[in-house]
Structures are given as C-alpha cells and as structure tokens.
Amino acid sequence: MSVVGIGGVFFRANDPKALQAWYRKHLGVPAEDAFHWEQQSGPTVFMPFPRGTDYFPADKQWMINFRVADLDRLLSTLRDAGIAITTNPEWDTPETGRFARIHDPEGNPVELWEPPPE
C-alpha cells in the first residue's frame, strides 16, 4: 500500500472565509461550499526543506506551490488586481519550468509554477 497523491492542504487563518474568497477570486481555487476539486493530472513535488532555507520566508513553516497552465496570463491578472509578484530569471530553467511568487492577504507565501512543456 502506498500514497497516491496529496489529499488536502490545511492551514490556520485569521479569517478563513475571507482567505478562501481571495484564493477563489485570484487563483481559481474552489468555492467555499466545495470540499474538493478535481485537479488536472501532473507532477507534484513533496519536499521538506532544511530549517535554515531561504527558499521561502523564515517565519513561515510552509509554502504552497500551485501548478498553472499559463503563467504569463495569470501574472497579468494578478498585477491588474494590485497583487505584488516576485520573479527571478534564475528560478526558471528548461528542465524545471517557470516560477513566480506572491503572498496571500495573511502573508502566506504562494509559489506559482508552470512546468516545462512535455
């Protein structure tokens, strides 16, 4: 018997309903009355990092990474909504794809990842 995928991502929030609404509006994560969403198949990375990593903020225990189909289009929409975006050409490679980072309204880091074309 083995694990076949990620079953959920659970985290604390100061205002869960408002945060759920933000994820729904800006990233298309399902509505608050939906308890699950059927994702497109594709790669998922499960990777514990050393405690001292600088890959995401030191005061955060986790960072979620969302796989996206059209990073440029999503970034344009996020910029239009006034959401700060961080990109770095050094993050992007033909082998791993393209990356961008944002923070949700409660300061949680969110990585956006467009895998390389197959």
N, C-alpha and C. Protein backbone atom coordinates (compact mmCIF):
# COMPACT_ATOMS: atom_id res chain seq x y z
N MET A 1 0.85 -1.17 0.00
CA MET A 1 0.00 0.00 0.00
C MET A 1 0.90 1.24 0.00
N SER A 2 0.53 2.25 -0.78
CA SER A 2 1.33 3.47 -0.82
C SER A 2 0.45 4.68 -1.03
N VAL A 3 1.02 5.83 -0.78
CA VAL A 3 0.33 7.10 -1.01
C VAL A 3 0.18 7.30 -2.51
N VAL A 4 -0.97 7.81 -2.93
CA VAL A 4 -1.21 8.03 -4.36
C VAL A 4 -1.35 9.50 -4.73
N GLY A 5 -1.29 10.39 -3.77
CA GLY A 5 -1.38 11.81 -4.07
C GLY A 5 -1.64 12.63 -2.82
N ILE A 6 -1.65 13.92 -2.97
CA ILE A 6 -1.94 14.83 -1.87
C ILE A 6 -3.46 14.88 -1.72
N GLY A 7 -3.94 14.66 -0.53
CA GLY A 7 -5.37 14.65 -0.28
C GLY A 7 -5.92 15.99 0.15
N GLY A 8 -5.09 16.90 0.59
CA GLY A 8 -5.55 18.20 1.02
C GLY A 8 -4.41 19.03 1.55
N VAL A 9 -4.66 20.32 1.66
CA VAL A 9 -3.72 21.25 2.27
C VAL A 9 -4.53 22.00 3.32
N PHE A 10 -4.11 21.91 4.57
CA PHE A 10 -4.84 22.50 5.68
C PHE A 10 -3.93 23.46 6.43
N PHE A 11 -4.43 24.65 6.73
CA PHE A 11 -3.63 25.61 7.47
C PHE A 11 -4.53 26.56 8.21
N ARG A 12 -3.99 27.19 9.23
CA ARG A 12 -4.75 28.13 10.05
C ARG A 12 -4.82 29.49 9.34
N ALA A 13 -5.91 30.19 9.61
CA ALA A 13 -6.07 31.54 9.05
C ALA A 13 -6.78 32.42 10.06
N ASN A 14 -6.47 33.68 10.06
CA ASN A 14 -7.17 34.63 10.93
C ASN A 14 -8.61 34.81 10.49
N ASP A 15 -8.85 34.82 9.19
CA ASP A 15 -10.19 34.98 8.64
C ASP A 15 -10.37 33.95 7.52
N PRO A 16 -10.70 32.69 7.86
CA PRO A 16 -10.77 31.63 6.86
C PRO A 16 -11.69 31.94 5.68
N LYS A 17 -12.86 32.51 5.93
CA LYS A 17 -13.80 32.79 4.82
C LYS A 17 -13.23 33.83 3.85
N ALA A 18 -12.64 34.88 4.40
CA ALA A 18 -12.05 35.92 3.53
C ALA A 18 -10.87 35.36 2.75
N LEU A 19 -10.06 34.54 3.40
CA LEU A 19 -8.90 33.98 2.71
C LEU A 19 -9.33 33.00 1.62
N GLN A 20 -10.34 32.18 1.91
CA GLN A 20 -10.88 31.27 0.89
C GLN A 20 -11.40 32.07 -0.31
N ALA A 21 -12.09 33.17 -0.04
CA ALA A 21 -12.61 34.02 -1.12
C ALA A 21 -11.47 34.60 -1.95
N TRP A 22 -10.37 35.01 -1.31
CA TRP A 22 -9.22 35.55 -2.04
C TRP A 22 -8.63 34.50 -2.96
N TYR A 23 -8.43 33.27 -2.45
CA TYR A 23 -7.88 32.19 -3.28
C TYR A 23 -8.82 31.85 -4.43
N ARG A 24 -10.11 31.90 -4.19
CA ARG A 24 -11.09 31.62 -5.25
C ARG A 24 -11.03 32.71 -6.32
N LYS A 25 -11.03 33.98 -5.89
CA LYS A 25 -11.06 35.10 -6.83
C LYS A 25 -9.79 35.20 -7.66
N HIS A 26 -8.64 35.09 -7.02
CA HIS A 26 -7.38 35.38 -7.73
C HIS A 26 -6.69 34.15 -8.32
N LEU A 27 -6.95 32.97 -7.75
CA LEU A 27 -6.25 31.77 -8.23
C LEU A 27 -7.20 30.68 -8.71
N GLY A 28 -8.51 30.89 -8.56
CA GLY A 28 -9.45 29.90 -9.05
C GLY A 28 -9.58 28.65 -8.20
N VAL A 29 -9.09 28.70 -6.95
CA VAL A 29 -9.26 27.57 -6.04
C VAL A 29 -10.76 27.50 -5.72
N PRO A 30 -11.31 26.31 -5.56
CA PRO A 30 -12.77 26.13 -5.49
C PRO A 30 -13.48 26.99 -4.45
N ALA A 31 -14.77 27.14 -4.69
CA ALA A 31 -15.63 27.93 -3.81
C ALA A 31 -15.69 27.32 -2.41
N GLU A 32 -16.07 28.15 -1.43
CA GLU A 32 -16.08 27.70 -0.05
C GLU A 32 -17.06 26.57 0.21
N ASP A 33 -18.07 26.42 -0.64
CA ASP A 33 -19.02 25.32 -0.44
C ASP A 33 -18.58 24.04 -1.13
N ALA A 34 -17.46 24.08 -1.84
CA ALA A 34 -16.90 22.87 -2.46
C ALA A 34 -15.83 22.31 -1.53
N PHE A 35 -15.95 21.06 -1.18
CA PHE A 35 -15.00 20.47 -0.25
C PHE A 35 -13.81 19.84 -0.96
N HIS A 36 -13.86 19.77 -2.27
CA HIS A 36 -12.73 19.24 -3.03
C HIS A 36 -12.78 19.77 -4.45
N TRP A 37 -11.68 19.61 -5.15
CA TRP A 37 -11.69 19.94 -6.56
C TRP A 37 -10.90 18.88 -7.30
N GLU A 38 -11.36 18.57 -8.49
CA GLU A 38 -10.69 17.58 -9.34
C GLU A 38 -9.59 18.31 -10.10
N GLN A 39 -8.36 17.97 -9.80
CA GLN A 39 -7.23 18.63 -10.41
C GLN A 39 -6.82 17.93 -11.70
N GLN A 40 -6.15 18.69 -12.55
CA GLN A 40 -5.54 18.07 -13.72
C GLN A 40 -4.38 17.22 -13.26
N SER A 41 -4.18 16.11 -13.92
CA SER A 41 -3.05 15.27 -13.55
C SER A 41 -1.75 15.96 -13.94
N GLY A 42 -0.73 15.65 -13.21
CA GLY A 42 0.57 16.24 -13.47
C GLY A 42 1.46 16.06 -12.27
N PRO A 43 2.66 16.57 -12.35
CA PRO A 43 3.62 16.36 -11.27
C PRO A 43 3.27 17.11 -10.00
N THR A 44 3.60 16.52 -8.88
CA THR A 44 3.50 17.15 -7.57
C THR A 44 4.83 16.90 -6.86
N VAL A 45 5.39 17.95 -6.30
CA VAL A 45 6.65 17.83 -5.58
C VAL A 45 6.35 17.86 -4.09
N PHE A 46 6.84 16.88 -3.36
CA PHE A 46 6.76 16.85 -1.91
C PHE A 46 8.18 16.94 -1.40
N MET A 47 8.54 18.08 -0.79
CA MET A 47 9.94 18.30 -0.47
C MET A 47 10.11 19.05 0.85
N PRO A 48 10.49 18.35 1.92
CA PRO A 48 10.89 19.06 3.13
C PRO A 48 12.20 19.81 2.86
N PHE A 49 12.29 21.02 3.37
CA PHE A 49 13.49 21.84 3.21
C PHE A 49 14.21 21.94 4.55
N PRO A 50 15.51 22.16 4.53
CA PRO A 50 16.22 22.39 5.80
C PRO A 50 15.64 23.60 6.53
N ARG A 51 15.65 23.57 7.84
CA ARG A 51 15.07 24.65 8.65
C ARG A 51 15.64 26.02 8.24
N GLY A 52 16.90 26.10 7.86
CA GLY A 52 17.52 27.38 7.53
C GLY A 52 17.38 27.81 6.08
N THR A 53 16.52 27.15 5.30
CA THR A 53 16.38 27.50 3.87
C THR A 53 15.98 28.96 3.68
N ASP A 54 16.43 29.54 2.58
CA ASP A 54 15.96 30.87 2.22
C ASP A 54 15.02 30.78 1.00
N TYR A 55 14.56 29.57 0.70
CA TYR A 55 13.66 29.37 -0.45
C TYR A 55 12.30 30.03 -0.22
N PHE A 56 11.88 30.13 1.04
CA PHE A 56 10.68 30.89 1.39
C PHE A 56 10.92 31.52 2.76
N PRO A 57 10.06 32.47 3.18
CA PRO A 57 10.33 33.25 4.39
C PRO A 57 10.59 32.40 5.63
N ALA A 58 11.58 32.81 6.41
CA ALA A 58 12.00 32.06 7.60
C ALA A 58 10.90 31.99 8.66
N ASP A 59 9.99 32.96 8.67
CA ASP A 59 8.94 32.95 9.69
C ASP A 59 7.72 32.12 9.27
N LYS A 60 7.79 31.45 8.15
CA LYS A 60 6.69 30.61 7.67
C LYS A 60 7.12 29.15 7.67
N GLN A 61 6.24 28.30 8.14
CA GLN A 61 6.53 26.88 8.22
C GLN A 61 6.36 26.19 6.87
N TRP A 62 5.57 26.77 5.98
CA TRP A 62 5.26 26.11 4.72
C TRP A 62 5.10 27.14 3.60
N MET A 63 5.13 26.67 2.37
CA MET A 63 4.78 27.47 1.20
C MET A 63 4.04 26.53 0.26
N ILE A 64 2.89 26.96 -0.22
CA ILE A 64 2.16 26.14 -1.18
C ILE A 64 2.63 26.51 -2.58
N ASN A 65 2.66 25.52 -3.44
CA ASN A 65 3.04 25.71 -4.83
C ASN A 65 1.87 25.24 -5.68
N PHE A 66 1.34 26.14 -6.51
CA PHE A 66 0.26 25.79 -7.43
C PHE A 66 0.82 25.62 -8.83
N ARG A 67 0.48 24.52 -9.46
CA ARG A 67 0.84 24.27 -10.86
C ARG A 67 -0.15 25.05 -11.72
N VAL A 68 0.35 25.84 -12.69
CA VAL A 68 -0.51 26.66 -13.54
C VAL A 68 -0.24 26.36 -15.01
N ALA A 69 -1.25 26.62 -15.86
CA ALA A 69 -1.15 26.31 -17.28
C ALA A 69 -0.60 27.48 -18.10
N ASP A 70 -0.84 28.71 -17.69
CA ASP A 70 -0.41 29.88 -18.45
C ASP A 70 0.04 30.95 -17.46
N LEU A 71 1.30 30.87 -17.06
CA LEU A 71 1.83 31.76 -16.03
C LEU A 71 1.72 33.22 -16.43
N ASP A 72 2.05 33.56 -17.68
CA ASP A 72 2.01 34.96 -18.11
C ASP A 72 0.61 35.56 -17.97
N ARG A 73 -0.39 34.80 -18.37
CA ARG A 73 -1.78 35.30 -18.28
C ARG A 73 -2.18 35.49 -16.82
N LEU A 74 -1.85 34.51 -15.96
CA LEU A 74 -2.18 34.64 -14.54
C LEU A 74 -1.47 35.83 -13.91
N LEU A 75 -0.19 36.02 -14.22
CA LEU A 75 0.55 37.14 -13.65
C LEU A 75 -0.04 38.47 -14.09
N SER A 76 -0.48 38.57 -15.31
CA SER A 76 -1.12 39.79 -15.80
C SER A 76 -2.39 40.08 -14.99
N THR A 77 -3.19 39.06 -14.76
CA THR A 77 -4.43 39.22 -13.99
C THR A 77 -4.11 39.63 -12.55
N LEU A 78 -3.10 39.00 -11.96
CA LEU A 78 -2.73 39.35 -10.58
C LEU A 78 -2.20 40.77 -10.49
N ARG A 79 -1.39 41.19 -11.46
CA ARG A 79 -0.89 42.58 -11.46
C ARG A 79 -2.05 43.57 -11.57
N ASP A 80 -3.01 43.25 -12.45
CA ASP A 80 -4.18 44.12 -12.61
C ASP A 80 -4.96 44.25 -11.30
N ALA A 81 -4.91 43.22 -10.46
CA ALA A 81 -5.60 43.24 -9.17
C ALA A 81 -4.75 43.88 -8.07
N GLY A 82 -3.55 44.35 -8.43
CA GLY A 82 -2.69 45.02 -7.46
C GLY A 82 -1.92 44.08 -6.55
N ILE A 83 -1.78 42.83 -6.94
CA ILE A 83 -1.05 41.86 -6.14
C ILE A 83 0.42 41.89 -6.52
N ALA A 84 1.28 42.05 -5.53
CA ALA A 84 2.73 42.10 -5.77
C ALA A 84 3.23 40.73 -6.19
N ILE A 85 4.09 40.72 -7.18
CA ILE A 85 4.63 39.48 -7.75
C ILE A 85 6.15 39.56 -7.73
N THR A 86 6.78 38.47 -7.37
CA THR A 86 8.24 38.37 -7.45
C THR A 86 8.59 37.30 -8.48
N THR A 87 9.47 37.66 -9.40
CA THR A 87 10.01 36.70 -10.35
C THR A 87 11.53 36.82 -10.30
N ASN A 88 12.19 35.79 -10.78
CA ASN A 88 13.64 35.80 -10.82
C ASN A 88 14.06 34.88 -11.95
N PRO A 89 14.72 35.39 -12.99
CA PRO A 89 15.12 34.54 -14.10
C PRO A 89 15.95 33.33 -13.68
N GLU A 90 16.65 33.44 -12.55
CA GLU A 90 17.46 32.31 -12.07
C GLU A 90 16.60 31.13 -11.61
N TRP A 91 15.34 31.38 -11.28
CA TRP A 91 14.43 30.30 -10.86
C TRP A 91 14.00 29.44 -12.04
N ASP A 92 14.00 30.00 -13.23
CA ASP A 92 13.44 29.35 -14.41
C ASP A 92 14.50 28.57 -15.19
N THR A 93 14.18 27.32 -15.51
CA THR A 93 15.07 26.52 -16.34
C THR A 93 14.23 25.68 -17.29
N PRO A 94 14.80 25.29 -18.42
CA PRO A 94 14.06 24.42 -19.34
C PRO A 94 13.67 23.09 -18.69
N GLU A 95 14.45 22.63 -17.71
CA GLU A 95 14.17 21.35 -17.06
C GLU A 95 13.07 21.44 -16.01
N THR A 96 12.99 22.57 -15.31
CA THR A 96 12.01 22.69 -14.22
C THR A 96 10.81 23.56 -14.55
N GLY A 97 10.92 24.45 -15.51
CA GLY A 97 9.82 25.34 -15.86
C GLY A 97 10.03 26.75 -15.35
N ARG A 98 8.91 27.45 -15.17
CA ARG A 98 8.94 28.87 -14.78
C ARG A 98 8.22 29.05 -13.45
N PHE A 99 8.67 30.06 -12.68
CA PHE A 99 8.15 30.27 -11.34
C PHE A 99 7.88 31.75 -11.09
N ALA A 100 6.94 32.00 -10.20
CA ALA A 100 6.67 33.34 -9.67
C ALA A 100 6.18 33.16 -8.25
N ARG A 101 6.28 34.22 -7.47
CA ARG A 101 5.84 34.15 -6.07
C ARG A 101 4.93 35.33 -5.75
N ILE A 102 3.94 35.04 -4.93
CA ILE A 102 3.04 36.05 -4.39
C ILE A 102 2.83 35.72 -2.92
N HIS A 103 2.10 36.57 -2.22
CA HIS A 103 1.68 36.30 -0.84
C HIS A 103 0.18 36.53 -0.76
N ASP A 104 -0.48 35.68 0.00
CA ASP A 104 -1.91 35.88 0.20
C ASP A 104 -2.11 37.01 1.21
N PRO A 105 -3.35 37.45 1.45
CA PRO A 105 -3.57 38.59 2.34
C PRO A 105 -3.08 38.38 3.78
N GLU A 106 -2.86 37.13 4.19
CA GLU A 106 -2.36 36.88 5.53
C GLU A 106 -0.84 36.66 5.55
N GLY A 107 -0.19 36.94 4.41
CA GLY A 107 1.26 36.87 4.34
C GLY A 107 1.83 35.50 4.04
N ASN A 108 0.98 34.53 3.73
CA ASN A 108 1.47 33.19 3.41
C ASN A 108 2.09 33.19 2.01
N PRO A 109 3.27 32.60 1.86
CA PRO A 109 3.91 32.56 0.54
C PRO A 109 3.21 31.56 -0.37
N VAL A 110 3.05 31.96 -1.62
CA VAL A 110 2.43 31.12 -2.64
C VAL A 110 3.34 31.13 -3.85
N GLU A 111 3.77 29.95 -4.28
CA GLU A 111 4.59 29.84 -5.48
C GLU A 111 3.71 29.37 -6.62
N LEU A 112 3.87 30.00 -7.77
CA LEU A 112 3.15 29.63 -8.99
C LEU A 112 4.16 28.99 -9.93
N TRP A 113 3.82 27.84 -10.45
CA TRP A 113 4.77 27.06 -11.24
C TRP A 113 4.13 26.61 -12.55
N GLU A 114 4.76 26.98 -13.64
CA GLU A 114 4.37 26.49 -14.96
C GLU A 114 5.42 25.46 -15.37
N PRO A 115 5.07 24.16 -15.30
CA PRO A 115 6.04 23.12 -15.68
C PRO A 115 6.48 23.30 -17.13
N PRO A 116 7.62 22.72 -17.47
CA PRO A 116 8.07 22.82 -18.86
C PRO A 116 7.13 22.04 -19.79
N PRO A 117 7.07 22.46 -21.05
CA PRO A 117 6.22 21.72 -21.99
C PRO A 117 6.70 20.27 -22.10
N GLU A 118 5.75 19.39 -22.29
CA GLU A 118 6.11 17.96 -22.40
C GLU A 118 6.62 17.63 -23.76
